Amino acid sequence: MFKLILRSLVLASFAFGLMACNTVKGVGKDIKKAGEKIEETAEKHD
């Protein structure tokens, strides 16, 4: 019984870790796009 609970916790932790990586990656892409827009706006006003 203990091994089953331990396996479930490890699997759940692994799954949450994968989701967190995808979330951080998505945030990185959003920040990159925002930076590109700011850069484009700055170039227009030069």
C-alpha atoms as a PDB file:
ATOM      1  CA  MET A   1       0.000   0.000   0.000  1.00  0.00           C
ATOM      2  CA  PHE A   2       2.817   2.376   0.913  1.00  0.00           C
ATOM      3  CA  LYS A   3       4.566   1.733  -2.432  1.00  0.00           C
ATOM      4  CA  LEU A   4       1.369   2.490  -4.328  1.00  0.00           C
ATOM      5  CA  ILE A   5       0.958   5.824  -2.553  1.00  0.00           C
ATOM      6  CA  LEU A   6       4.626   6.639  -3.084  1.00  0.00           C
ATOM      7  CA  ARG A   7       4.415   5.809  -6.793  1.00  0.00           C
ATOM      8  CA  SER A   8       1.310   7.955  -7.139  1.00  0.00           C
ATOM      9  CA  LEU A   9       3.007  10.903  -5.458  1.00  0.00           C
ATOM     10  CA  VAL A  10       6.116  10.570  -7.615  1.00  0.00           C
ATOM     11  CA  LEU A  11       4.020  10.352 -10.778  1.00  0.00           C
ATOM     12  CA  ALA A  12       1.939  13.370  -9.764  1.00  0.00           C
ATOM     13  CA  SER A  13       5.075  15.381  -8.957  1.00  0.00           C
ATOM     14  CA  PHE A  14       6.555  14.482 -12.335  1.00  0.00           C
ATOM     15  CA  ALA A  15       3.371  15.516 -14.126  1.00  0.00           C
ATOM     16  CA  PHE A  16       3.219  18.858 -12.292  1.00  0.00           C
ATOM     17  CA  GLY A  17       6.880  19.435 -13.121  1.00  0.00           C
ATOM     18  CA  LEU A  18       6.204  18.947 -16.816  1.00  0.00           C
ATOM     19  CA  MET A  19       3.269  21.336 -16.710  1.00  0.00           C
ATOM     20  CA  ALA A  20       5.381  23.955 -14.946  1.00  0.00           C
ATOM     21  CA  CYS A  21       8.059  23.721 -17.649  1.00  0.00           C
ATOM     22  CA  ASN A  22       5.484  24.331 -20.354  1.00  0.00           C
ATOM     23  CA  THR A  23       4.057  27.261 -18.419  1.00  0.00           C
ATOM     24  CA  VAL A  24       7.456  28.890 -17.941  1.00  0.00           C
ATOM     25  CA  LYS A  25       8.255  28.338 -21.601  1.00  0.00           C
ATOM     26  CA  GLY A  26       4.983  30.022 -22.583  1.00  0.00           C
ATOM     27  CA  VAL A  27       5.680  32.989 -20.339  1.00  0.00           C
ATOM     28  CA  GLY A  28       9.115  33.309 -21.904  1.00  0.00           C
ATOM     29  CA  LYS A  29       7.566  33.454 -25.375  1.00  0.00           C
ATOM     30  CA  ASP A  30       5.082  36.110 -24.231  1.00  0.00           C
ATOM     31  CA  ILE A  31       7.852  38.248 -22.745  1.00  0.00           C
ATOM     32  CA  LYS A  32       9.889  37.874 -25.928  1.00  0.00           C
ATOM     33  CA  LYS A  33       6.946  39.022 -28.076  1.00  0.00           C
ATOM     34  CA  ALA A  34       6.325  41.988 -25.787  1.00  0.00           C
ATOM     35  CA  GLY A  35       9.983  42.961 -26.037  1.00  0.00           C
ATOM     36  CA  GLU A  36       9.840  42.754 -29.816  1.00  0.00           C
ATOM     37  CA  LYS A  37       6.795  45.057 -29.907  1.00  0.00           C
ATOM     38  CA  ILE A  38       8.529  47.577 -27.634  1.00  0.00           C
ATOM     39  CA  GLU A  39      11.590  47.444 -29.871  1.00  0.00           C
ATOM     40  CA  GLU A  40       9.476  47.998 -33.008  1.00  0.00           C
ATOM     41  CA  THR A  41       7.748  50.966 -31.378  1.00  0.00           C
ATOM     42  CA  ALA A  42      11.076  52.474 -30.343  1.00  0.00           C
ATOM     43  CA  GLU A  43      12.431  52.103 -33.882  1.00  0.00           C
ATOM     44  CA  LYS A  44       9.359  53.893 -35.304  1.00  0.00           C
ATOM     45  CA  HIS A  45       9.980  56.892 -33.045  1.00  0.00           C
ATOM     46  CA  ASP A  46      13.665  57.222 -33.911  1.00  0.00           C
END
